[in-house]
Protein backbone atom coordinates (compact mmCIF):
# COMPACT_ATOMS: atom_id res chain seq x y z
CA MET A 1 22.94 3.90 2.44
CA THR A 2 23.68 4.42 5.64
CA THR A 3 21.06 6.94 6.93
CA LYS A 4 17.74 5.57 8.05
CA ARG A 5 15.49 5.37 5.75
CA PHE A 6 11.71 4.61 5.67
CA ILE A 7 9.65 3.54 2.97
CA ALA A 8 6.12 2.78 2.10
CA ILE A 9 5.24 1.13 -0.70
CA ALA A 10 1.69 1.15 -2.32
CA GLY A 11 -0.58 -0.38 -4.60
CA ASN A 12 -3.80 -2.13 -5.64
CA ILE A 13 -4.35 -5.37 -4.73
CA GLY A 14 -2.32 -8.20 -7.09
CA SER A 15 -0.33 -5.06 -7.63
CA GLY A 16 3.44 -6.92 -6.51
CA LYS A 17 4.08 -4.33 -3.59
CA THR A 18 4.58 -7.37 -1.18
CA THR A 19 7.10 -9.37 -3.15
CA LEU A 20 8.76 -5.79 -3.36
CA THR A 21 8.97 -4.74 -0.58
CA ARG A 22 10.55 -8.53 0.47
CA MET A 23 13.01 -8.09 -1.97
CA LEU A 24 14.34 -4.59 -1.16
CA SER A 25 14.41 -5.60 2.14
CA ASP A 26 16.53 -8.10 0.89
CA HIS A 27 18.77 -6.06 -1.19
CA TYR A 28 19.25 -3.40 1.63
CA SER A 29 19.00 -5.15 4.46
CA TRP A 30 15.68 -3.15 5.93
CA GLU A 31 13.45 -4.36 8.64
CA PRO A 32 10.43 -5.15 6.60
CA HIS A 33 6.49 -4.48 7.89
CA PHE A 34 4.34 -7.34 6.15
CA GLU A 35 0.87 -6.42 5.75
CA VAL A 36 -1.45 -8.95 7.58
CA VAL A 37 -3.10 -11.33 5.54
CA SER A 38 -2.89 -14.90 6.69
CA ASN A 39 -3.87 -13.86 10.38
CA ASN A 40 -6.63 -11.57 9.40
CA PRO A 41 -9.77 -12.52 11.03
CA TYR A 42 -11.82 -10.76 9.21
CA LEU A 43 -10.28 -10.64 5.56
CA SER A 44 -11.93 -13.95 4.37
CA ASP A 45 -15.20 -12.89 5.69
CA PHE A 46 -15.23 -9.44 3.95
CA TYR A 47 -14.79 -10.50 0.79
CA GLY A 48 -17.81 -12.58 1.59
CA ASP A 49 -19.83 -9.96 2.54
CA MET A 50 -18.19 -6.17 2.35
CA ASN A 51 -21.41 -4.31 3.82
CA ARG A 52 -21.17 -6.56 6.69
CA TRP A 53 -17.76 -6.68 7.44
CA SER A 54 -15.75 -3.70 6.28
CA LEU A 55 -15.88 -1.25 9.37
CA GLN A 56 -13.90 -3.92 10.97
CA LEU A 57 -11.81 -4.97 8.16
CA GLN A 58 -10.55 -1.27 8.22
CA VAL A 59 -10.16 -0.76 12.03
CA PHE A 60 -8.14 -3.70 11.93
CA PHE A 61 -5.88 -2.84 8.88
CA LEU A 62 -5.60 0.97 10.71
CA SER A 63 -4.53 -0.67 14.12
CA LYS A 64 -1.88 -2.99 12.97
CA ARG A 65 -0.39 -0.42 10.30
CA PHE A 66 -0.15 2.32 13.05
CA GLN A 67 1.65 0.12 15.85
CA ALA A 68 4.31 -0.80 12.56
CA HIS A 69 4.42 3.04 11.38
CA GLN A 70 5.31 3.72 15.34
CA THR A 71 7.87 0.79 15.39
CA ILE A 72 9.76 2.45 12.23
CA VAL A 73 10.17 5.81 13.39
CA LYS A 74 11.15 5.23 16.94
CA SER A 75 13.98 2.56 15.53
CA ASN A 76 16.88 3.36 14.64
CA ILE A 77 17.53 0.93 11.40
CA SER A 78 16.14 1.66 8.15
CA ALA A 79 12.70 -0.63 7.64
CA ILE A 80 10.01 -0.40 4.57
CA GLN A 81 6.19 -1.18 5.06
CA ASP A 82 4.48 -3.40 2.90
CA ARG A 83 1.42 -0.95 2.53
CA SER A 84 1.11 2.82 4.46
CA ILE A 85 -1.37 3.46 6.59
CA TYR A 86 -2.51 6.59 4.55
CA GLU A 87 -4.28 4.22 2.11
CA ASP A 88 -6.38 2.59 4.54
CA ALA A 89 -8.46 5.73 4.60
CA HIS A 90 -7.90 7.31 1.07
CA ILE A 91 -8.44 3.99 -0.88
CA PHE A 92 -9.70 1.59 0.85
CA ALA A 93 -12.22 3.27 3.63
CA ARG A 94 -12.73 5.76 0.68
CA ALA A 95 -13.65 2.99 -1.91
CA LEU A 96 -15.86 1.24 0.27
CA LYS A 97 -18.13 4.29 1.23
CA GLU A 98 -18.12 5.27 -2.51
CA GLY A 99 -19.47 1.73 -3.42
CA GLY A 100 -21.80 1.48 -0.91
CA GLN A 101 -20.22 -1.23 1.32
CA MET A 102 -19.69 1.81 4.42
CA ASP A 103 -22.08 3.83 5.56
CA GLU A 104 -21.48 7.47 5.52
CA ARG A 105 -21.67 7.56 9.30
CA ASP A 106 -19.38 4.29 9.55
CA TYR A 107 -17.16 6.09 7.35
CA GLU A 108 -16.61 9.70 9.17
CA ASN A 109 -16.18 7.94 12.27
CA TYR A 110 -13.80 5.76 11.02
CA PHE A 111 -11.86 8.84 9.16
CA GLU A 112 -12.05 10.93 12.59
CA LEU A 113 -10.18 8.04 14.19
CA TYR A 114 -7.64 7.60 11.18
CA THR A 115 -6.90 11.39 11.31
CA THR A 116 -6.53 11.77 14.88
CA MET A 117 -3.52 8.81 14.50
CA THR A 118 -1.91 10.24 12.19
CA GLN A 119 -1.58 13.15 13.51
CA PHE A 120 1.08 11.49 16.07
CA LEU A 121 2.93 9.89 13.12
CA ASN A 122 6.24 11.11 11.28
CA PRO A 123 5.44 10.36 7.69
CA PRO A 124 7.51 8.04 5.48
CA ASP A 125 10.60 9.31 3.45
CA LEU A 126 9.75 7.81 0.26
CA VAL A 127 6.59 6.75 -1.05
CA VAL A 128 7.12 4.17 -3.89
CA TYR A 129 3.81 3.47 -5.38
CA VAL A 130 3.54 0.26 -7.77
CA LYS A 131 1.23 1.10 -10.08
CA ARG A 132 -0.53 -1.75 -12.79
CA SER A 133 -3.45 -1.51 -15.12
CA VAL A 134 -6.41 -3.65 -13.86
CA ASN A 135 -6.15 -6.34 -16.52
CA CYS A 136 -3.05 -7.36 -15.07
CA LEU A 137 -4.07 -7.38 -11.95
CA LYS A 138 -6.93 -9.35 -11.94
CA GLU A 139 -3.65 -11.73 -14.45
CA ARG A 140 -1.46 -11.23 -11.10
CA ILE A 141 -4.31 -12.20 -9.12
CA LYS A 142 -5.23 -15.45 -10.59
CA GLU A 143 -2.10 -16.62 -10.74
CA ARG A 144 -1.00 -16.21 -6.85
CA GLY A 145 -4.37 -18.22 -6.04
CA ARG A 146 -5.97 -16.89 -2.79
CA SER A 147 -9.19 -18.26 -2.48
CA PHE A 148 -10.98 -15.07 -1.24
CA GLU A 149 -9.98 -12.72 -3.68
CA GLN A 150 -10.50 -14.56 -6.80
CA ASN A 151 -13.97 -13.07 -7.05
CA ILE A 152 -13.10 -9.71 -6.29
CA PRO A 153 -15.17 -7.85 -8.28
CA LYS A 154 -13.14 -6.27 -12.06
CA ASP A 155 -15.22 -2.67 -10.81
CA TYR A 156 -13.54 -2.78 -7.20
CA LEU A 157 -10.42 -2.84 -8.88
CA GLN A 158 -11.56 -0.13 -11.05
CA LEU A 159 -12.70 1.87 -8.22
CA LEU A 160 -9.64 1.48 -6.00
CA GLU A 161 -7.49 2.61 -9.15
CA ARG A 162 -8.91 5.55 -9.52
CA CYS A 163 -9.35 6.18 -5.31
CA TYR A 164 -4.97 5.77 -6.14
CA GLU A 165 -4.80 8.41 -8.26
CA ASP A 166 -6.27 11.11 -6.90
CA TRP A 167 -4.52 10.39 -3.67
CA ILE A 168 -0.97 10.10 -4.79
CA LYS A 169 -1.92 13.56 -6.64
CA GLU A 170 -2.91 15.27 -3.58
CA TYR A 171 0.06 13.16 -1.10
CA ASP A 172 2.48 16.18 0.04
CA LEU A 173 3.87 14.83 3.16
CA GLY A 174 7.02 13.21 1.50
CA LYS A 175 8.88 12.02 -1.69
CA VAL A 176 6.43 9.98 -4.47
CA LEU A 177 7.78 7.75 -6.95
CA ILE A 178 5.53 5.91 -9.59
CA VAL A 179 6.73 2.50 -10.30
CA ASN A 180 5.07 2.23 -13.70
CA ALA A 181 4.67 -2.21 -13.46
CA ASP A 182 2.57 -3.37 -16.31
CA THR A 183 6.44 -4.19 -18.60
CA LEU A 184 8.04 -4.69 -15.18
CA ASP A 185 9.16 -8.19 -13.93
CA PHE A 186 11.24 -7.34 -11.33
CA LYS A 187 10.67 -10.82 -9.55
CA ASN A 188 12.34 -12.67 -12.30
CA SER A 189 14.25 -10.06 -14.12
CA GLU A 190 17.60 -8.64 -12.65
CA ASP A 191 17.92 -5.98 -14.89
CA ASP A 192 14.52 -5.00 -13.79
CA PHE A 193 14.92 -5.02 -10.38
CA LYS A 194 18.00 -2.87 -10.63
CA TYR A 195 15.91 -0.28 -12.44
CA VAL A 196 13.88 -0.13 -9.57
CA CYS A 197 16.50 -0.03 -6.90
CA SER A 198 17.79 2.29 -9.18
CA GLN A 199 14.98 4.62 -9.16
CA ILE A 200 14.52 4.77 -5.44
CA GLU A 201 17.48 5.69 -4.83
CA SER A 202 17.73 8.38 -7.14
CA SER A 203 14.60 9.99 -5.46
CA LEU A 204 15.53 9.59 -2.03
CA THR A 205 18.40 12.30 -3.08
CA HIS A 206 16.86 14.22 -5.66
CA PRO A 207 14.79 17.52 -4.65
CA THR A 208 12.06 16.63 -6.98
CA ARG A 209 9.16 15.53 -4.50
CA PHE A 210 7.13 13.42 -7.58
CA THR A 211 9.56 10.87 -10.25
CA ASN A 212 7.61 8.66 -12.52
CA CYS A 213 9.51 5.80 -14.44
């Protein structure tokens, strides 16, 4: 693919989106932009006290993803982003508000900021939504062993999943590929990875806005 591409990999916590971002970056020589986790000054505190740190965490992510999105759009080379700026507001901030960890005033202030910022952004060519069941997510979170993630409530993952489903149905800024990944192991299976690649290539060239694989 010689045309410049902007791909965003979306997905719940533990879905494998970071692994897929890295593999696709290597495979297609796309510049990767990863979610800030290890250097995030709020993440550990957030999982310890969501009510106290929810707004600070969301503003941090919004700022970093806005910067990455701008860099990708302005660049002449293809790039792939680990989680999109749209997920910050429509998934995580919404879930925090609905779960009672972010009050209505903070959420409205945050969402107004998000809306203003995204007006200045060109959307990705393709959003790839890596979809896994909550039970599968819990197993994967346990396996990767990040200490601050081990006590994430199952109810919280279920709420995020519902927000993802609502968002992806309404997303109309560009093309969407839904990858049902419970039975896929693209990290260890070359055939599974090739399958995902073929679906991405087809989605980029096909006129249909939604693809489900």
